[in-house]
């Protein structure tokens, strides 16, 4: 049965799909680096552990309101840790 699609065209579509996946993966990695740079620039007063899943990074990348909310929470925690550390050293 002939559907009017050649193997070459199907192969090109598969290649384009893989290229799009690679491009999306690169975008995600670049976005993650930006977010981690922002987090690392915050004034942490103590050791802190932050874990962000790839799904959360994807959601932040797609939804700026969600990203702003998450970054606000992290920023507030950094300030709290800094204040707590200052209090302990006095």
Protein backbone atom coordinates (compact mmCIF):
# COMPACT_ATOMS: atom_id res chain seq x y z
CA UNK A 1 0.00 0.00 0.00
CA UNK A 2 1.37 3.44 -0.92
CA UNK A 3 0.57 6.35 1.38
CA UNK A 4 2.56 8.85 -0.68
CA UNK A 5 5.32 9.15 1.90
CA UNK A 6 8.77 8.05 0.91
CA UNK A 7 11.23 6.44 3.28
CA UNK A 8 13.50 9.46 2.79
CA UNK A 9 10.74 11.83 3.91
CA UNK A 10 9.94 9.64 6.90
CA UNK A 11 13.64 9.54 7.79
CA UNK A 12 13.85 13.32 7.53
CA UNK A 13 10.84 13.67 9.85
CA UNK A 14 12.47 11.34 12.37
CA UNK A 15 15.74 13.29 12.11
CA UNK A 16 13.88 16.58 12.60
CA UNK A 17 12.13 15.12 15.64
CA UNK A 18 15.47 14.08 17.17
CA UNK A 19 16.94 17.51 16.40
CA UNK A 20 13.93 19.16 18.09
CA UNK A 21 14.40 16.92 21.14
CA UNK A 22 18.09 17.87 21.28
CA UNK A 23 17.20 21.53 20.92
CA UNK A 24 14.61 21.24 23.72
CA UNK A 25 17.15 19.46 25.91
CA UNK A 26 19.70 22.21 25.24
CA UNK A 27 17.13 24.88 26.09
CA UNK A 28 16.34 23.09 29.35
CA UNK A 29 20.02 22.77 30.26
CA UNK A 30 20.64 26.46 29.53
CA UNK A 31 17.59 27.43 31.57
CA UNK A 32 18.75 25.26 34.47
CA UNK A 33 22.16 26.96 34.39
CA UNK A 34 20.51 30.39 34.52
CA UNK A 35 18.35 29.40 37.48
CA UNK A 36 21.26 27.81 39.38
CA UNK A 37 23.38 30.91 38.73
CA UNK A 38 20.62 33.05 40.20
CA UNK A 39 20.29 30.74 43.22
CA UNK A 40 24.06 30.62 43.75
CA UNK A 41 24.22 34.42 43.73
CA UNK A 42 21.84 34.62 46.70
CA UNK A 43 23.35 35.42 50.12
CA UNK A 44 23.20 32.04 51.81
CA UNK A 45 24.19 32.19 55.47
CA UNK A 46 24.40 28.44 56.01
CA UNK A 47 24.61 25.24 54.07
CA UNK A 48 21.41 24.66 52.18
CA UNK A 49 20.20 21.89 49.95
CA UNK A 50 17.91 22.73 47.08
CA UNK A 51 16.54 20.06 44.82
CA UNK A 52 14.62 20.96 41.68
CA UNK A 53 13.32 18.25 39.39
CA UNK A 54 13.52 18.50 35.61
CA UNK A 55 9.70 18.64 35.57
CA UNK A 56 9.78 21.69 37.85
CA UNK A 57 12.44 23.32 35.65
CA UNK A 58 10.27 22.66 32.58
CA UNK A 59 7.25 24.19 34.30
CA UNK A 60 9.31 27.24 35.33
CA UNK A 61 10.57 27.56 31.76
CA UNK A 62 7.01 27.49 30.40
CA UNK A 63 5.27 29.50 33.16
CA UNK A 64 7.02 32.68 34.30
CA UNK A 65 4.50 33.19 37.12
CA UNK A 66 5.39 29.77 38.53
CA UNK A 67 9.11 30.54 38.17
CA UNK A 68 8.70 33.85 39.98
CA UNK A 69 6.79 32.14 42.80
CA UNK A 70 9.44 29.42 43.24
CA UNK A 71 12.34 31.87 43.06
CA UNK A 72 10.62 34.10 45.64
CA UNK A 73 10.34 31.15 48.02
CA UNK A 74 14.01 30.25 47.50
CA UNK A 75 15.08 33.89 47.91
CA UNK A 76 13.10 34.17 51.16
CA UNK A 77 14.72 30.98 52.43
CA UNK A 78 18.17 32.34 51.59
CA UNK A 79 17.42 35.53 53.54
CA UNK A 80 16.10 33.50 56.48
CA UNK A 81 19.22 31.30 56.48
CA UNK A 82 21.42 34.40 56.39
CA UNK A 83 19.49 36.01 59.28
CA UNK A 84 19.56 32.79 61.29
CA UNK A 85 23.31 32.44 60.77
CA UNK A 86 23.87 36.06 61.82
CA UNK A 87 21.80 35.50 64.98
CA UNK A 88 23.77 32.36 65.90
CA UNK A 89 27.12 34.11 65.55
CA UNK A 90 26.17 36.93 67.96
